[in-house]
Amino acid sequence: MSETSCDIHDVTKAASDLVATGCNIGMTYLPEGITRLRFSSIISSFANEVIQAVDEGLISAWQGLQELRAEHEELLSRARFYLQNGIGVAAGVMQVRTGISAIAMPGGVGAIPGGLLIAHGANNIYEGAGNLYHGPNVPGTLGPVRYVYQRALKDEHLGSTIYYSMDLYLSGYGILRQVPKRGSFELFRYDPITREKSYWQTGKLALALEVVVDFFTLNTMFQDEYRNE
């Protein structure tokens, strides 16, 4: 679409898309009905103001379309921010629980990965909660564990990359490690008959959450790499 071919119909369509997105986000993130209605009303008012400005000739259809698209992208960006950090906190809790379970394994074989899981989980909770508290308009929260990686490697970008890579490794360890089967009676701790991969005991929702978290981690790594070029 070019500036010359843009008309009021394109503006109306963009306004409708913005309002629909706002309603979906409100339904997802705002549990209280009155707050949800006020949020949707604010977005609808903005969209109607842009349409009216175009209709009255105060701004061109192209300018109105760009305003609506910019607001749409900003709304989606904020929704992604809160979704990603909310999931990050939940994933951090899961990491801590998995780490405690790994440390409790007989023979101390899970002590090191369990300790790393607890450290990374606590750090992810700290960073996610900090980002949610401060909002998307300030620099992201740097947790103490990621800070240690950066200091040890004397490079912020490399330290964060190694931290995220370790996060992915620990995620794989958490779902692929051998755990006792439910209801099994273990006479010999290395008996493979009484053990199975952890993911067989993990619920579908937890596995889906793990996949989403890994996707966000990879996306963050690629974004950092792009910004560092």
Foldseek 3Di string as FASTA:
>chain_A
DDLVPFALVLLVVLLVVQLVVLLVLLVVPPPDDVVSVVSSVVSNVVSVVLSVCCVVPVDPRVVSNVVSVVVSVVVVVQSCLLVLLVLLLVVLVVLLVLLVVQCPQPPRPSPVLSVVSNVLSVQSNVQSVVCVVVDDPDDGDGGPVLVVQCVVVVHNLVSLLVSLVVVVVSLVCSQAPKDFDPPDDDPDSVDCVRIDGNVVVDDPVVVVSSVVNNVVSVVVNVVSVVVVD
